């Protein structure tokens, strides 16, 4: 089996909930032709999917210390911010979320998690503004779209 096939298999194991098996397979790929950054990122996701954020944090950091593609870099940075938030490191998470929003304005998946972080920091107005802006810019239903003008008026007052 090639290292690429083994890597693909490790991802499938994670998706099936076989986290330890997935990690064992990923760790065995260290030193292969697969970039270390993407291996560490997938190990971090495995821990995250298992609810082991403390362990995931280490691997998100390791992934970010290695070369990553643009998408993988975003995913590692976003995972790190979300993990910091889950672990109660709200100021660190806020700093990363702010950078992500600035650097990736089209990545709307950041906003709900950033809002949760802001709520935890007691910044309820800023959190509400993020969520309202998300709804205005990306209304989930046609019914909400009809009220965009009114919602924008509220958003401008915040």
N, C-alpha and C. Protein backbone atom coordinates (compact mmCIF):
# COMPACT_ATOMS: atom_id res chain seq x y z
N UNK A 1 0.85 -1.17 0.00
CA UNK A 1 0.00 0.00 0.00
C UNK A 1 0.90 1.24 0.00
N UNK A 2 0.59 2.19 -0.87
CA UNK A 2 1.39 3.42 -0.92
C UNK A 2 1.06 4.31 0.27
N UNK A 3 1.92 5.27 0.53
CA UNK A 3 1.66 6.19 1.64
C UNK A 3 0.41 7.03 1.36
N UNK A 4 0.15 7.36 0.12
CA UNK A 4 -1.06 8.11 -0.23
C UNK A 4 -2.30 7.28 0.06
N UNK A 5 -2.26 6.02 -0.27
CA UNK A 5 -3.40 5.12 0.01
C UNK A 5 -3.59 4.96 1.51
N UNK A 6 -2.49 4.83 2.23
CA UNK A 6 -2.56 4.69 3.69
C UNK A 6 -3.12 5.96 4.33
N UNK A 7 -2.74 7.11 3.79
CA UNK A 7 -3.25 8.39 4.29
C UNK A 7 -4.77 8.47 4.06
N UNK A 8 -5.19 8.12 2.86
CA UNK A 8 -6.63 8.14 2.54
C UNK A 8 -7.39 7.17 3.44
N UNK A 9 -6.82 6.03 3.69
CA UNK A 9 -7.44 5.04 4.57
C UNK A 9 -7.55 5.58 6.00
N UNK A 10 -6.52 6.29 6.46
CA UNK A 10 -6.54 6.87 7.81
C UNK A 10 -7.67 7.89 7.95
N UNK A 11 -7.89 8.67 6.92
CA UNK A 11 -8.99 9.65 6.94
C UNK A 11 -10.33 8.92 7.00
N UNK A 12 -10.47 7.87 6.22
CA UNK A 12 -11.71 7.09 6.24
C UNK A 12 -11.94 6.46 7.61
N UNK A 13 -10.90 5.99 8.25
CA UNK A 13 -11.04 5.43 9.60
C UNK A 13 -11.57 6.48 10.57
N UNK A 14 -11.03 7.71 10.47
CA UNK A 14 -11.51 8.80 11.33
C UNK A 14 -12.98 9.08 11.07
N UNK A 15 -13.37 9.13 9.82
CA UNK A 15 -14.76 9.41 9.46
C UNK A 15 -15.70 8.32 9.97
N UNK A 16 -15.18 7.12 10.12
CA UNK A 16 -15.98 6.01 10.65
C UNK A 16 -15.98 5.97 12.18
N UNK A 17 -15.26 6.90 12.79
CA UNK A 17 -15.20 6.94 14.25
C UNK A 17 -14.13 6.05 14.85
N UNK A 18 -13.25 5.53 14.04
CA UNK A 18 -12.15 4.68 14.52
C UNK A 18 -10.93 5.56 14.72
N UNK A 19 -11.01 6.39 15.75
CA UNK A 19 -10.04 7.46 15.96
C UNK A 19 -8.63 6.94 16.28
N UNK A 20 -8.53 6.00 17.17
CA UNK A 20 -7.21 5.49 17.54
C UNK A 20 -6.54 4.81 16.35
N UNK A 21 -7.31 4.02 15.61
CA UNK A 21 -6.75 3.37 14.43
C UNK A 21 -6.30 4.40 13.40
N UNK A 22 -7.09 5.43 13.24
CA UNK A 22 -6.74 6.50 12.31
C UNK A 22 -5.43 7.17 12.72
N UNK A 23 -5.33 7.51 14.00
CA UNK A 23 -4.11 8.15 14.49
C UNK A 23 -2.89 7.24 14.35
N UNK A 24 -3.06 5.96 14.69
CA UNK A 24 -1.94 5.02 14.54
C UNK A 24 -1.44 5.00 13.09
N UNK A 25 -2.37 4.97 12.17
CA UNK A 25 -2.00 4.97 10.76
C UNK A 25 -1.32 6.28 10.36
N UNK A 26 -1.84 7.39 10.84
CA UNK A 26 -1.25 8.70 10.53
C UNK A 26 0.16 8.82 11.11
N UNK A 27 0.32 8.41 12.36
CA UNK A 27 1.66 8.49 12.97
C UNK A 27 2.68 7.65 12.19
N UNK A 28 2.22 6.53 11.67
CA UNK A 28 3.15 5.68 10.92
C UNK A 28 3.60 6.34 9.61
N UNK A 29 2.90 7.38 9.18
CA UNK A 29 3.26 8.07 7.94
C UNK A 29 4.30 9.18 8.14
N UNK A 30 4.61 9.49 9.41
CA UNK A 30 5.66 10.48 9.66
C UNK A 30 6.96 9.94 9.07
N UNK A 31 7.60 10.73 8.24
CA UNK A 31 8.82 10.29 7.58
C UNK A 31 8.57 9.78 6.17
N UNK A 32 7.29 9.65 5.80
CA UNK A 32 6.98 9.22 4.43
C UNK A 32 6.97 10.45 3.52
N UNK A 33 6.48 10.27 2.31
CA UNK A 33 6.41 11.39 1.36
C UNK A 33 5.19 12.29 1.59
N UNK A 34 4.36 11.97 2.56
CA UNK A 34 3.21 12.81 2.91
C UNK A 34 3.72 13.95 3.80
N UNK A 35 3.30 15.18 3.48
CA UNK A 35 3.72 16.35 4.27
C UNK A 35 3.30 16.18 5.73
N UNK A 36 4.18 16.53 6.63
CA UNK A 36 3.90 16.38 8.07
C UNK A 36 2.73 17.26 8.51
N UNK A 37 2.64 18.47 7.96
CA UNK A 37 1.58 19.39 8.37
C UNK A 37 0.19 18.81 8.22
N UNK A 38 -0.07 18.19 7.08
CA UNK A 38 -1.40 17.62 6.84
C UNK A 38 -1.62 16.37 7.70
N UNK A 39 -0.55 15.66 8.01
CA UNK A 39 -0.67 14.51 8.93
C UNK A 39 -1.07 15.02 10.32
N UNK A 40 -0.37 16.04 10.81
CA UNK A 40 -0.69 16.58 12.13
C UNK A 40 -2.10 17.17 12.17
N UNK A 41 -2.49 17.81 11.08
CA UNK A 41 -3.85 18.37 11.03
C UNK A 41 -4.88 17.27 11.16
N UNK A 42 -4.69 16.18 10.46
CA UNK A 42 -5.64 15.07 10.55
C UNK A 42 -5.62 14.38 11.91
N UNK A 43 -4.47 14.36 12.56
CA UNK A 43 -4.41 13.84 13.93
C UNK A 43 -5.19 14.76 14.85
N UNK A 44 -5.03 16.06 14.67
CA UNK A 44 -5.78 17.03 15.48
C UNK A 44 -7.27 16.84 15.30
N UNK A 45 -7.72 16.69 14.05
CA UNK A 45 -9.15 16.47 13.79
C UNK A 45 -9.63 15.19 14.47
N UNK A 46 -8.81 14.17 14.45
CA UNK A 46 -9.18 12.92 15.08
C UNK A 46 -9.43 13.12 16.58
N UNK A 47 -8.51 13.83 17.23
CA UNK A 47 -8.71 14.11 18.65
C UNK A 47 -9.94 14.99 18.86
N UNK A 48 -10.10 16.00 18.04
CA UNK A 48 -11.27 16.88 18.15
C UNK A 48 -12.56 16.10 17.99
N UNK A 49 -12.63 15.26 16.96
CA UNK A 49 -13.82 14.45 16.72
C UNK A 49 -14.14 13.54 17.89
N UNK A 50 -13.12 13.19 18.63
CA UNK A 50 -13.29 12.30 19.78
C UNK A 50 -13.60 13.09 21.05
N UNK A 51 -13.58 14.43 20.97
CA UNK A 51 -13.84 15.27 22.13
C UNK A 51 -12.63 15.45 23.02
N UNK A 52 -11.45 15.22 22.49
CA UNK A 52 -10.21 15.33 23.26
C UNK A 52 -9.45 16.59 22.81
N UNK A 53 -10.05 17.75 23.14
CA UNK A 53 -9.53 19.03 22.66
C UNK A 53 -8.11 19.33 23.16
N UNK A 54 -7.81 18.93 24.38
CA UNK A 54 -6.48 19.20 24.94
C UNK A 54 -5.40 18.55 24.07
N UNK A 55 -5.64 17.33 23.64
CA UNK A 55 -4.67 16.65 22.78
C UNK A 55 -4.69 17.26 21.37
N UNK A 56 -5.86 17.63 20.89
CA UNK A 56 -5.98 18.23 19.55
C UNK A 56 -5.17 19.52 19.46
N UNK A 57 -5.18 20.31 20.52
CA UNK A 57 -4.49 21.59 20.55
C UNK A 57 -3.02 21.43 20.15
N UNK A 58 -2.38 20.47 20.72
CA UNK A 58 -0.96 20.22 20.44
C UNK A 58 -0.74 19.97 18.94
N UNK A 59 -1.60 19.18 18.34
CA UNK A 59 -1.41 18.82 16.93
C UNK A 59 -1.81 19.94 15.98
N UNK A 60 -2.77 20.78 16.37
CA UNK A 60 -3.04 21.97 15.55
C UNK A 60 -1.80 22.87 15.52
N UNK A 61 -1.19 23.04 16.67
CA UNK A 61 0.04 23.85 16.72
C UNK A 61 1.14 23.24 15.88
N UNK A 62 1.30 21.93 15.99
CA UNK A 62 2.34 21.26 15.19
C UNK A 62 2.06 21.41 13.70
N UNK A 63 0.81 21.27 13.31
CA UNK A 63 0.45 21.41 11.89
C UNK A 63 0.81 22.80 11.39
N UNK A 64 0.55 23.82 12.21
CA UNK A 64 0.83 25.20 11.81
C UNK A 64 2.32 25.51 11.76
N UNK A 65 3.13 24.67 12.38
CA UNK A 65 4.59 24.83 12.32
C UNK A 65 5.19 24.19 11.07
N UNK A 66 4.36 23.55 10.28
CA UNK A 66 4.81 22.85 9.06
C UNK A 66 4.20 23.53 7.83
N UNK A 67 4.78 23.29 6.67
CA UNK A 67 4.15 23.80 5.45
C UNK A 67 2.77 23.18 5.25
N UNK A 68 1.79 24.01 4.89
CA UNK A 68 0.43 23.56 4.62
C UNK A 68 -0.09 24.27 3.38
N UNK A 69 -1.01 23.62 2.67
CA UNK A 69 -1.68 24.29 1.55
C UNK A 69 -2.55 25.41 2.14
N UNK A 70 -3.03 26.28 1.28
CA UNK A 70 -3.87 27.38 1.75
C UNK A 70 -5.09 26.91 2.51
N UNK A 71 -5.80 25.92 1.98
CA UNK A 71 -7.00 25.40 2.64
C UNK A 71 -6.66 24.72 3.95
N UNK A 72 -5.59 23.94 3.95
CA UNK A 72 -5.20 23.24 5.17
C UNK A 72 -4.72 24.23 6.24
N UNK A 73 -4.05 25.28 5.81
CA UNK A 73 -3.62 26.31 6.76
C UNK A 73 -4.84 26.95 7.42
N UNK A 74 -5.84 27.30 6.61
CA UNK A 74 -7.08 27.86 7.18
C UNK A 74 -7.70 26.88 8.16
N UNK A 75 -7.83 25.63 7.76
CA UNK A 75 -8.47 24.62 8.61
C UNK A 75 -7.72 24.44 9.93
N UNK A 76 -6.40 24.46 9.88
CA UNK A 76 -5.61 24.31 11.10
C UNK A 76 -5.78 25.53 12.01
N UNK A 77 -5.76 26.71 11.43
CA UNK A 77 -5.92 27.95 12.21
C UNK A 77 -7.33 28.02 12.81
N UNK A 78 -8.33 27.68 12.00
CA UNK A 78 -9.71 27.68 12.46
C UNK A 78 -9.90 26.63 13.56
N UNK A 79 -9.35 25.44 13.36
CA UNK A 79 -9.42 24.39 14.38
C UNK A 79 -8.76 24.82 15.67
N UNK A 80 -7.63 25.50 15.56
CA UNK A 80 -6.92 25.99 16.75
C UNK A 80 -7.78 26.99 17.50
N UNK A 81 -8.37 27.93 16.79
CA UNK A 81 -9.23 28.94 17.44
C UNK A 81 -10.42 28.28 18.14
N UNK A 82 -11.07 27.37 17.45
CA UNK A 82 -12.24 26.68 18.03
C UNK A 82 -11.84 25.84 19.25
N UNK A 83 -10.69 25.22 19.18
CA UNK A 83 -10.22 24.40 20.29
C UNK A 83 -9.87 25.27 21.49
N UNK A 84 -9.19 26.40 21.25
CA UNK A 84 -8.93 27.34 22.35
C UNK A 84 -10.24 27.76 23.00
N UNK A 85 -11.26 28.05 22.18
CA UNK A 85 -12.56 28.45 22.72
C UNK A 85 -13.16 27.34 23.57
N UNK A 86 -13.13 26.12 23.07
CA UNK A 86 -13.68 24.98 23.82
C UNK A 86 -12.98 24.77 25.17
N UNK A 87 -11.68 25.05 25.18
CA UNK A 87 -10.89 24.86 26.40
C UNK A 87 -10.96 26.06 27.34
N UNK A 88 -11.69 27.09 26.96
CA UNK A 88 -11.85 28.26 27.82
C UNK A 88 -10.75 29.30 27.69
N UNK A 89 -9.91 29.18 26.69
CA UNK A 89 -8.85 30.17 26.42
C UNK A 89 -9.41 31.22 25.47
N UNK A 90 -10.36 32.01 25.98
CA UNK A 90 -11.15 32.89 25.14
C UNK A 90 -10.36 34.04 24.51
N UNK A 91 -9.44 34.64 25.23
CA UNK A 91 -8.67 35.74 24.66
C UNK A 91 -7.80 35.26 23.50
N UNK A 92 -7.16 34.12 23.66
CA UNK A 92 -6.34 33.57 22.58
C UNK A 92 -7.22 33.23 21.38
N UNK A 93 -8.37 32.62 21.64
CA UNK A 93 -9.30 32.29 20.56
C UNK A 93 -9.78 33.56 19.85
N UNK A 94 -10.11 34.58 20.62
CA UNK A 94 -10.58 35.84 20.04
C UNK A 94 -9.52 36.42 19.09
N UNK A 95 -8.29 36.42 19.52
CA UNK A 95 -7.20 36.96 18.69
C UNK A 95 -7.11 36.21 17.36
N UNK A 96 -7.20 34.90 17.40
CA UNK A 96 -7.12 34.11 16.18
C UNK A 96 -8.35 34.31 15.31
N UNK A 97 -9.54 34.34 15.94
CA UNK A 97 -10.76 34.58 15.17
C UNK A 97 -10.71 35.93 14.46
N UNK A 98 -10.22 36.95 15.13
CA UNK A 98 -10.10 38.27 14.50
C UNK A 98 -9.21 38.20 13.26
N UNK A 99 -8.11 37.49 13.36
CA UNK A 99 -7.20 37.33 12.23
C UNK A 99 -7.88 36.55 11.10
N UNK A 100 -8.59 35.50 11.46
CA UNK A 100 -9.28 34.70 10.45
C UNK A 100 -10.34 35.51 9.71
N UNK A 101 -11.12 36.29 10.44
CA UNK A 101 -12.16 37.11 9.80
C UNK A 101 -11.53 38.12 8.84
N UNK A 102 -10.41 38.68 9.25
CA UNK A 102 -9.72 39.66 8.40
C UNK A 102 -9.11 38.97 7.17
N UNK A 103 -8.46 37.84 7.37
CA UNK A 103 -7.75 37.18 6.28
C UNK A 103 -8.64 36.32 5.37
N UNK A 104 -9.78 35.89 5.88
CA UNK A 104 -10.68 35.02 5.12
C UNK A 104 -12.12 35.54 5.20
N UNK A 105 -12.39 36.71 4.64
CA UNK A 105 -13.73 37.31 4.78
C UNK A 105 -14.86 36.48 4.18
N UNK A 106 -14.57 35.61 3.24
CA UNK A 106 -15.62 34.80 2.63
C UNK A 106 -15.93 33.52 3.42
N UNK A 107 -15.14 33.20 4.42
CA UNK A 107 -15.33 31.97 5.20
C UNK A 107 -16.34 32.23 6.33
N UNK A 108 -17.61 32.17 5.99
CA UNK A 108 -18.67 32.51 6.94
C UNK A 108 -18.77 31.52 8.11
N UNK A 109 -18.19 30.34 7.97
CA UNK A 109 -18.25 29.38 9.07
C UNK A 109 -17.51 29.87 10.31
N UNK A 110 -16.66 30.86 10.15
CA UNK A 110 -15.93 31.43 11.29
C UNK A 110 -16.89 32.15 12.24
N UNK A 111 -17.86 32.86 11.67
CA UNK A 111 -18.66 33.82 12.44
C UNK A 111 -19.44 33.24 13.62
N UNK A 112 -20.15 32.13 13.48
CA UNK A 112 -20.87 31.62 14.66
C UNK A 112 -19.94 31.25 15.81
N UNK A 113 -18.79 30.68 15.49
CA UNK A 113 -17.85 30.28 16.54
C UNK A 113 -17.18 31.50 17.18
N UNK A 114 -16.90 32.50 16.36
CA UNK A 114 -16.37 33.77 16.87
C UNK A 114 -17.40 34.41 17.80
N UNK A 115 -18.67 34.38 17.40
CA UNK A 115 -19.72 34.94 18.24
C UNK A 115 -19.82 34.19 19.57
N UNK A 116 -19.71 32.87 19.55
CA UNK A 116 -19.72 32.10 20.80
C UNK A 116 -18.57 32.52 21.70
N UNK A 117 -17.41 32.73 21.11
CA UNK A 117 -16.23 33.17 21.86
C UNK A 117 -16.49 34.53 22.50
N UNK A 118 -17.03 35.45 21.70
CA UNK A 118 -17.32 36.80 22.22
C UNK A 118 -18.34 36.75 23.35
N UNK A 119 -19.34 35.88 23.22
CA UNK A 119 -20.33 35.72 24.29
C UNK A 119 -19.64 35.27 25.58
N UNK A 120 -18.73 34.35 25.46
CA UNK A 120 -18.01 33.85 26.64
C UNK A 120 -17.15 34.93 27.28
N UNK A 121 -16.72 35.88 26.48
CA UNK A 121 -15.93 37.00 26.99
C UNK A 121 -16.81 38.14 27.51
N UNK A 122 -18.13 37.96 27.45
CA UNK A 122 -19.06 38.99 27.91
C UNK A 122 -19.26 40.10 26.90
N UNK A 123 -18.87 39.89 25.67
CA UNK A 123 -19.00 40.89 24.61
C UNK A 123 -20.25 40.58 23.79
N UNK A 124 -21.39 40.67 24.46
CA UNK A 124 -22.66 40.24 23.85
C UNK A 124 -23.06 41.09 22.65
N UNK A 125 -22.83 42.40 22.72
CA UNK A 125 -23.19 43.27 21.60
C UNK A 125 -22.39 42.92 20.35
N UNK A 126 -21.10 42.70 20.51
CA UNK A 126 -20.25 42.34 19.37
C UNK A 126 -20.66 40.98 18.81
N UNK A 127 -21.02 40.04 19.68
CA UNK A 127 -21.45 38.71 19.24
C UNK A 127 -22.76 38.82 18.46
N UNK A 128 -23.70 39.61 19.00
CA UNK A 128 -24.98 39.78 18.32
C UNK A 128 -24.78 40.43 16.95
N UNK A 129 -23.90 41.40 16.88
CA UNK A 129 -23.63 42.08 15.62
C UNK A 129 -23.08 41.09 14.58
N UNK A 130 -22.19 40.20 15.00
CA UNK A 130 -21.65 39.19 14.08
C UNK A 130 -22.75 38.27 13.53
N UNK A 131 -23.60 37.82 14.41
CA UNK A 131 -24.68 36.90 14.00
C UNK A 131 -25.68 37.62 13.11
N UNK A 132 -26.04 38.84 13.47
CA UNK A 132 -26.97 39.59 12.65
C UNK A 132 -26.37 39.87 11.27
N UNK A 133 -25.10 40.24 11.23
CA UNK A 133 -24.42 40.47 9.95
C UNK A 133 -24.42 39.19 9.10
N UNK A 134 -24.20 38.06 9.73
CA UNK A 134 -24.22 36.79 9.02
C UNK A 134 -25.60 36.54 8.40
N UNK A 135 -26.63 36.79 9.15
CA UNK A 135 -28.00 36.58 8.66
C UNK A 135 -28.31 37.54 7.52
N UNK A 136 -27.89 38.78 7.66
CA UNK A 136 -28.17 39.78 6.62
C UNK A 136 -27.42 39.45 5.33
N UNK A 137 -26.15 39.10 5.47
CA UNK A 137 -25.34 38.84 4.28
C UNK A 137 -25.60 37.47 3.65
N UNK A 138 -26.05 36.53 4.46
CA UNK A 138 -26.29 35.16 3.99
C UNK A 138 -27.59 34.63 4.59
N UNK A 139 -28.71 35.23 4.19
CA UNK A 139 -29.99 34.80 4.80
C UNK A 139 -30.27 33.32 4.51
N UNK A 140 -30.64 32.60 5.55
CA UNK A 140 -30.84 31.16 5.39
C UNK A 140 -32.13 30.80 4.65
N UNK A 141 -33.09 31.72 4.60
CA UNK A 141 -34.35 31.42 3.94
C UNK A 141 -34.82 32.65 3.16
N UNK A 142 -35.70 32.41 2.21
CA UNK A 142 -36.31 33.51 1.44
C UNK A 142 -37.12 34.41 2.37
N UNK A 143 -37.75 33.83 3.37
CA UNK A 143 -38.56 34.63 4.31
C UNK A 143 -37.70 35.67 5.04
N UNK A 144 -36.50 35.29 5.41
CA UNK A 144 -35.60 36.25 6.07
C UNK A 144 -35.08 37.26 5.06
N UNK A 145 -34.82 36.83 3.84
CA UNK A 145 -34.33 37.74 2.80
C UNK A 145 -35.26 38.93 2.60
N UNK A 146 -36.55 38.71 2.74
CA UNK A 146 -37.52 39.79 2.56
C UNK A 146 -37.32 40.91 3.57
N UNK A 147 -36.70 40.60 4.70
CA UNK A 147 -36.54 41.59 5.76
C UNK A 147 -35.11 42.15 5.83
N UNK A 148 -34.31 41.92 4.80
CA UNK A 148 -32.93 42.37 4.81
C UNK A 148 -32.79 43.87 5.08
N UNK A 149 -33.62 44.68 4.44
CA UNK A 149 -33.51 46.13 4.61
C UNK A 149 -33.72 46.52 6.07
N UNK A 150 -34.72 45.94 6.70
CA UNK A 150 -34.99 46.25 8.11
C UNK A 150 -33.84 45.75 8.99
N UNK A 151 -33.36 44.56 8.73
CA UNK A 151 -32.27 44.00 9.53
C UNK A 151 -30.98 44.81 9.36
N UNK A 152 -30.71 45.28 8.15
CA UNK A 152 -29.53 46.11 7.93
C UNK A 152 -29.63 47.39 8.74
N UNK A 153 -30.84 47.93 8.84
CA UNK A 153 -31.04 49.12 9.67
C UNK A 153 -30.67 48.87 11.12
N UNK A 154 -31.03 47.74 11.65
CA UNK A 154 -30.64 47.39 13.02
C UNK A 154 -29.14 47.19 13.13
N UNK A 155 -28.58 46.52 12.14
CA UNK A 155 -27.14 46.25 12.13
C UNK A 155 -26.34 47.56 12.15
N UNK A 156 -26.79 48.54 11.38
CA UNK A 156 -26.10 49.83 11.34
C UNK A 156 -26.16 50.57 12.66
N UNK A 157 -27.15 50.26 13.49
CA UNK A 157 -27.28 50.94 14.79
C UNK A 157 -26.40 50.32 15.87
N UNK A 158 -25.90 49.15 15.63
CA UNK A 158 -25.08 48.46 16.65
C UNK A 158 -23.67 48.98 16.66
